[in-house]
Protein backbone atom coordinates (compact mmCIF):
# COMPACT_ATOMS: atom_id res chain seq x y z
CA MET A 1 93.75 72.90 106.42
CA ARG A 2 95.83 75.47 108.26
CA HIS A 3 98.20 77.69 106.28
CA THR A 4 101.47 78.99 107.63
CA THR A 5 101.67 82.74 107.17
CA LEU A 6 104.99 83.87 105.81
CA ALA A 7 106.54 86.97 107.30
CA PRO A 8 107.13 89.56 104.57
CA HIS A 9 110.76 90.52 104.18
CA PHE A 10 111.92 94.07 103.54
CA VAL A 11 115.05 95.62 102.05
CA GLN A 12 115.41 99.35 102.58
CA LEU A 13 117.69 100.96 99.99
CA HIS A 14 116.20 104.46 100.28
CA HIS A 15 116.93 106.25 103.55
CA PRO A 16 115.23 109.67 103.81
CA ALA A 17 117.05 111.67 106.46
CA ALA A 18 115.60 114.89 107.85
CA GLY A 19 117.95 117.83 107.57
CA ALA A 20 120.44 115.90 105.46
CA SER A 21 122.01 117.17 102.27
CA HIS A 22 119.66 116.67 99.33
CA PRO A 23 121.53 118.02 96.31
CA GLU A 24 118.74 117.04 93.89
CA LEU A 25 116.19 119.05 95.88
CA VAL A 26 118.46 122.07 96.25
CA ALA A 27 119.42 122.05 92.56
CA GLY A 28 115.77 121.96 91.54
CA LEU A 29 114.80 124.81 93.86
CA LEU A 30 117.58 126.98 92.42
CA GLU A 31 116.63 126.37 88.79
CA THR A 32 114.54 128.82 86.74
CA PRO A 33 111.74 127.90 86.84
CA ALA A 34 112.11 126.12 90.17
CA ARG A 35 111.09 122.47 90.28
CA ILE A 36 110.73 119.56 92.69
CA ALA A 37 110.67 115.98 91.38
CA PRO A 38 107.30 114.23 91.85
CA LYS A 39 108.88 111.34 93.76
CA PHE A 40 108.99 113.72 96.74
CA PHE A 41 105.18 113.68 96.90
CA TYR A 42 105.29 110.29 98.56
CA ASP A 43 105.87 110.57 102.24
CA ALA A 44 103.34 108.60 104.33
CA LEU A 45 100.69 111.36 104.17
CA GLY A 46 101.31 112.00 100.48
CA SER A 47 100.79 108.31 99.73
CA ARG A 48 97.48 108.34 101.60
CA LEU A 49 96.36 111.53 99.87
CA PHE A 50 97.11 109.94 96.51
CA ASP A 51 95.00 106.93 97.48
CA ALA A 52 92.17 109.42 98.19
CA ILE A 53 92.69 111.05 94.77
CA THR A 54 92.09 107.71 93.08
CA GLU A 55 88.59 107.65 94.61
CA LEU A 56 87.58 111.06 93.20
CA PRO A 57 84.94 111.18 90.45
CA GLU A 58 87.18 113.41 88.32
CA TYR A 59 90.17 111.08 88.51
CA TYR A 60 89.44 108.61 85.71
CA PRO A 61 92.84 106.80 85.36
CA THR A 62 92.53 104.38 88.28
CA ARG A 63 88.99 103.17 87.60
CA THR A 64 89.53 103.11 83.82
CA GLU A 65 92.69 101.04 84.16
CA ALA A 66 90.88 98.74 86.61
CA ALA A 67 88.13 98.24 84.01
CA VAL A 68 90.75 97.29 81.40
CA PHE A 69 92.21 94.69 83.75
CA ALA A 70 88.75 93.38 84.65
CA GLN A 71 87.70 93.04 81.03
CA HIS A 72 90.95 91.77 79.55
CA GLY A 73 92.76 90.15 82.49
CA ALA A 74 92.15 86.61 81.26
CA ASP A 75 93.63 87.46 77.86
CA MET A 76 96.62 89.14 79.51
CA ALA A 77 97.19 85.98 81.55
CA ARG A 78 97.58 84.01 78.34
CA HIS A 79 100.66 86.11 77.51
CA VAL A 80 102.11 86.78 80.96
CA PRO A 81 104.11 83.79 82.26
CA GLU A 82 102.48 81.92 85.14
CA GLY A 83 104.70 81.54 88.19
CA ALA A 84 106.62 84.75 87.52
CA VAL A 85 108.32 86.94 90.10
CA MET A 86 106.08 90.04 90.05
CA VAL A 87 108.07 93.26 90.50
CA ASP A 88 105.57 96.05 91.25
CA LEU A 89 107.03 99.51 90.58
CA GLY A 90 105.60 102.37 92.64
CA ALA A 91 103.48 99.82 94.49
CA GLY A 92 101.97 102.20 97.07
CA SER A 93 99.03 100.35 98.66
CA CYS A 94 99.79 97.23 96.55
CA ALA A 95 96.06 97.04 95.76
CA LYS A 96 96.40 96.98 91.97
CA ALA A 97 98.79 94.06 91.99
CA ALA A 98 96.81 92.19 94.65
CA ARG A 99 93.66 92.27 92.51
CA LEU A 100 95.62 90.48 89.77
CA PHE A 101 97.12 87.74 91.95
CA PRO A 102 94.27 85.28 91.18
CA VAL A 103 94.60 85.94 87.45
CA LEU A 104 98.37 86.14 86.97
CA GLN A 105 99.36 83.58 89.65
CA PRO A 106 102.79 84.98 90.55
CA ALA A 107 105.31 82.81 92.40
CA ALA A 108 106.56 85.78 94.45
CA TYR A 109 105.72 89.45 94.89
CA LEU A 110 108.34 92.22 95.08
CA PRO A 111 106.73 95.65 95.57
CA VAL A 112 109.00 98.68 95.09
CA ASP A 113 108.28 102.13 96.49
CA ILE A 114 110.10 105.23 97.71
CA SER A 115 107.58 105.68 100.57
CA VAL A 116 109.33 103.20 102.82
CA ASP A 117 107.16 103.26 105.95
CA TYR A 118 103.92 103.20 103.96
CA LEU A 119 105.06 100.23 101.90
CA ARG A 120 106.24 98.36 104.98
CA ASP A 121 102.81 98.75 106.62
CA THR A 122 100.79 97.82 103.55
CA LEU A 123 102.97 94.82 102.79
CA ALA A 124 102.51 93.43 106.31
CA ALA A 125 98.73 93.61 105.89
CA LEU A 126 98.89 92.10 102.39
CA GLN A 127 100.94 89.15 103.59
CA GLN A 128 98.18 88.31 106.07
CA ARG A 129 95.67 88.12 103.21
CA HIS A 130 97.98 86.02 101.02
CA PRO A 131 99.79 83.85 103.55
CA GLU A 132 101.49 81.47 101.11
CA LEU A 133 102.84 84.00 98.61
CA PRO A 134 106.48 84.97 99.29
CA MET A 135 106.82 88.77 99.51
CA LEU A 136 109.87 91.02 99.59
CA GLY A 137 109.39 94.78 99.90
CA LEU A 138 112.02 97.03 98.34
CA GLY A 139 112.16 100.56 99.75
CA MET A 140 113.90 102.14 96.80
CA ASP A 141 114.05 105.22 94.58
CA PHE A 142 113.86 103.45 91.23
CA SER A 143 113.67 106.77 89.36
CA ALA A 144 117.40 107.11 90.01
CA ARG A 145 118.28 103.52 89.08
CA LEU A 146 116.14 100.42 88.68
CA SER A 147 117.90 97.28 89.84
CA LEU A 148 116.73 94.58 92.22
CA GLY A 149 120.18 94.38 93.77
CA PRO A 150 122.11 91.55 95.44
CA ALA A 151 119.87 91.31 98.53
CA ALA A 152 116.81 90.59 96.39
CA GLY A 153 118.85 88.16 94.30
CA ALA A 154 119.92 86.26 97.39
CA TRP A 155 116.34 86.21 98.73
CA LEU A 156 115.07 84.76 95.43
CA ALA A 157 117.86 82.18 95.30
CA GLU A 158 117.08 81.00 98.85
CA ARG A 159 113.51 80.29 97.70
CA ALA A 160 114.56 78.58 94.46
CA LEU A 161 113.02 81.46 92.48
CA ALA A 162 116.14 82.79 90.78
CA GLU A 163 115.27 81.11 87.47
CA GLN A 164 111.59 82.12 87.46
CA PRO A 165 110.62 84.68 84.80
CA ARG A 166 110.39 88.31 85.89
CA LEU A 167 107.16 90.24 85.42
CA VAL A 168 107.69 93.98 85.86
CA PHE A 169 104.32 95.55 86.68
CA TYR A 170 104.05 99.33 86.33
CA PRO A 171 100.40 100.42 86.48
CA GLY A 172 98.72 103.80 86.86
CA SER A 173 100.53 105.55 84.00
CA SER A 174 103.26 106.64 86.41
CA ILE A 175 105.58 106.38 83.41
CA GLY A 176 103.97 109.71 82.44
CA ASN A 177 105.94 111.45 85.20
CA PHE A 178 109.04 111.04 83.04
CA THR A 179 109.95 112.96 79.91
CA PRO A 180 110.11 110.73 76.82
CA ASP A 181 113.92 110.49 77.13
CA GLU A 182 113.71 109.68 80.84
CA ALA A 183 110.95 107.16 80.16
CA LEU A 184 113.13 105.42 77.57
CA ALA A 185 116.00 105.18 80.07
CA LEU A 186 113.70 103.68 82.73
CA LEU A 187 112.17 101.22 80.24
CA CYS A 188 115.66 100.07 79.23
CA GLN A 189 116.39 99.32 82.90
CA ALA A 190 113.02 97.56 83.25
CA HIS A 191 113.98 95.45 80.22
CA ALA A 192 117.19 94.41 81.98
CA VAL A 193 115.20 93.38 85.07
CA CYS A 194 112.80 91.37 82.91
CA ARG A 195 115.74 89.50 81.36
CA SER A 196 117.39 88.80 84.73
CA GLY A 197 115.24 85.72 85.37
CA GLY A 198 114.02 82.80 83.32
CA ALA A 199 112.62 82.95 79.81
CA GLY A 200 109.23 84.52 79.16
CA GLY A 201 109.55 87.64 81.29
CA GLY A 202 108.24 91.03 80.29
CA LEU A 203 106.59 94.30 81.24
CA LEU A 204 102.90 94.91 81.98
CA ILE A 205 102.40 98.68 82.02
CA GLY A 206 99.46 101.06 82.18
CA VAL A 207 99.60 104.19 80.01
CA ASP A 208 97.22 107.14 79.95
CA ARG A 209 96.23 108.32 76.48
CA VAL A 210 95.72 111.71 74.87
CA LYS A 211 92.17 112.97 75.35
CA PRO A 212 90.25 116.27 75.56
CA ARG A 213 91.39 119.00 77.92
CA ALA A 214 87.92 118.98 79.51
CA VAL A 215 88.57 115.44 80.75
CA LEU A 216 92.24 115.82 81.64
CA GLU A 217 92.35 119.03 83.66
CA PRO A 218 89.63 118.23 86.25
CA ALA A 219 91.42 114.93 86.99
CA TYR A 220 94.37 116.98 88.28
CA ASP A 221 92.40 119.87 89.82
CA ASP A 222 89.39 118.33 91.56
CA ALA A 223 86.49 120.22 93.11
CA LEU A 224 87.19 118.96 96.65
CA GLY A 225 90.79 120.15 96.57
CA VAL A 226 92.33 116.77 97.39
CA THR A 227 94.89 117.13 94.61
CA ALA A 228 95.70 120.63 95.88
CA ALA A 229 96.34 119.20 99.36
CA PHE A 230 98.51 116.46 97.82
CA ASN A 231 100.52 119.08 95.95
CA ARG A 232 100.98 121.37 98.96
CA ASN A 233 101.90 118.45 101.23
CA LEU A 234 105.00 118.18 99.07
CA LEU A 235 106.21 121.39 100.70
CA LEU A 236 105.86 119.90 104.19
CA HIS A 237 107.87 116.89 103.06
CA VAL A 238 110.59 119.15 101.64
CA ASN A 239 110.63 121.11 104.90
CA ARG A 240 111.40 117.90 106.80
CA LEU A 241 113.95 116.61 104.31
CA LEU A 242 115.79 119.86 103.77
CA GLY A 243 115.11 121.82 106.95
CA ALA A 244 113.31 124.41 104.80
CA ASP A 245 110.56 126.84 105.83
CA PHE A 246 107.96 126.62 103.06
CA ALA A 247 104.54 127.89 104.19
CA PRO A 248 102.02 125.70 102.31
CA ALA A 249 99.18 128.19 102.82
CA ALA A 250 101.14 130.72 100.76
CA TRP A 251 100.98 128.54 97.65
CA ARG A 252 98.13 127.85 95.24
CA HIS A 253 97.72 124.60 93.32
CA VAL A 254 97.73 124.83 89.51
CA GLY A 255 96.91 121.90 87.20
CA LEU A 256 96.84 122.49 83.43
CA TYR A 257 97.17 120.63 80.15
CA ASN A 258 100.10 121.57 77.91
CA ALA A 259 98.87 120.41 74.49
CA VAL A 260 102.20 121.16 72.77
CA GLU A 261 104.07 118.78 75.07
CA SER A 262 101.10 116.40 75.42
CA ARG A 263 101.29 116.51 79.20
CA ILE A 264 99.45 117.62 82.30
CA GLU A 265 101.56 119.95 84.42
CA MET A 266 101.17 120.55 88.13
CA HIS A 267 102.61 123.65 89.74
CA LEU A 268 102.48 125.52 93.01
CA GLN A 269 102.07 129.27 92.52
CA ALA A 270 103.26 131.77 95.12
CA THR A 271 100.40 133.94 96.39
CA GLY A 272 102.82 136.67 97.45
CA ALA A 273 106.51 137.51 97.30
CA GLN A 274 108.42 135.28 99.69
CA THR A 275 111.84 133.85 100.44
CA VAL A 276 112.24 130.19 101.32
CA ARG A 277 115.30 129.33 103.40
CA TRP A 278 117.09 126.10 104.30
CA PRO A 279 120.47 125.43 105.94
CA GLY A 280 123.07 126.77 103.54
CA GLY A 281 120.72 128.33 100.99
CA GLU A 282 117.60 130.24 100.08
CA ARG A 283 115.37 131.05 97.10
CA ALA A 284 113.28 134.19 96.59
CA PHE A 285 109.94 133.73 94.82
CA ALA A 286 108.04 136.62 93.25
CA ASP A 287 104.28 136.98 93.62
CA GLY A 288 102.72 134.59 91.07
CA GLU A 289 105.95 132.68 90.41
CA ARG A 290 105.48 128.95 89.92
CA LEU A 291 107.24 125.91 91.30
CA HIS A 292 106.90 122.96 88.88
CA THR A 293 106.03 119.76 90.76
CA GLU A 294 104.85 117.18 88.23
CA ASN A 295 104.41 116.27 84.59
CA SER A 296 102.02 113.55 83.46
CA TYR A 297 102.66 112.80 79.79
CA LYS A 298 99.80 111.38 77.73
CA TRP A 299 100.62 108.98 74.91
CA GLU A 300 99.16 107.76 71.66
CA PRO A 301 99.38 103.93 71.55
CA GLY A 302 101.58 103.79 68.46
CA ALA A 303 104.10 106.23 69.93
CA PHE A 304 104.35 104.31 73.19
CA GLU A 305 104.72 101.00 71.39
CA ALA A 306 107.63 102.50 69.43
CA LEU A 307 109.21 103.57 72.73
CA LEU A 308 108.91 100.03 74.09
CA ARG A 309 110.53 98.61 70.98
CA GLU A 310 113.35 101.15 71.25
CA ALA A 311 113.92 99.98 74.84
CA GLY A 312 114.51 96.44 73.57
CA PHE A 313 111.13 94.79 74.08
CA GLY A 314 109.63 92.38 71.58
CA GLU A 315 106.23 92.23 69.89
CA VAL A 316 103.91 94.45 71.91
CA ARG A 317 100.22 93.83 72.65
CA HIS A 318 97.83 96.31 74.19
CA TRP A 319 94.31 96.43 75.57
CA THR A 320 92.09 99.46 76.11
CA ASP A 321 88.70 100.52 77.46
CA ALA A 322 85.59 101.20 75.35
CA GLN A 323 86.34 104.94 75.20
CA GLY A 324 89.99 104.51 74.28
CA TRP A 325 91.11 106.56 77.28
CA PHE A 326 93.70 104.21 78.76
CA SER A 327 95.89 101.37 77.52
CA VAL A 328 97.64 98.44 79.20
CA PHE A 329 100.64 97.11 77.26
CA TRP A 330 102.31 93.72 77.47
CA ALA A 331 105.87 93.89 76.20
CA PRO A 332 107.89 90.63 76.28
CA ALA A 333 111.57 90.98 76.97
């Protein structure tokens, strides 16, 4: 039997423009301490560098989460509605979702990512491997606002999928990039997306757990320096977006665990006094001054379950690995 390959559709809501005004970037650079939001890691090269990070021996989250899905996927499928519209937040290479297609049997796949070109390329390749699964890519900055929007709604309606339940899939513990208050706001929006379709929708989310510093810190400061390259590539992306003149070689990667806040922090530390300029502004950095680029909060299961309930979700279930390092939560809407 011959299958007709569907062409993946794409809606681009995020339009990165080189040299354009980026008030969020400028505001962060002028704060004390200076900061850049982690979403700016993900230009095309940054996305590929992150894929390389997930292969490192020190970086346990990806393989540990994959083991949880492999061991407990069949049980998850008993709770997740079959025939759901799978909305994959921060989809990147789409590999995590694709591995679950045979288990979860979605009726359509909607990957969401800020790295527009990277997502477009990966989605085209994925559609070839799954020719009968309708796919709609959403190039979107969901950290600002999570909503599928009217174009996605129209696309679903055309395919008689508007009344299918929504499965929001958010793996990789990317929720850890948000402070607890920010995470709650995003989860509330995810809850609204889950309720926008038919009954039975919910959230399937991976969450990294609190563990010893000796495990956490090497995962964000690997021996090969891939994470350092990922962190410094952020500066090249900012240069393009803002017309700035960061010199990546003048910055050192720092990854450390802040036990008080229960989070990994990533910084770039100036290796000498320098002034960074962009059209209409500049920022002087002292020798040793740090630029904060990422948080990755680690959660205890009970605390994260309470957060899900506060966001409006129902009775929560979770699965973990043998070491208790990582949890996957199912939260019905």
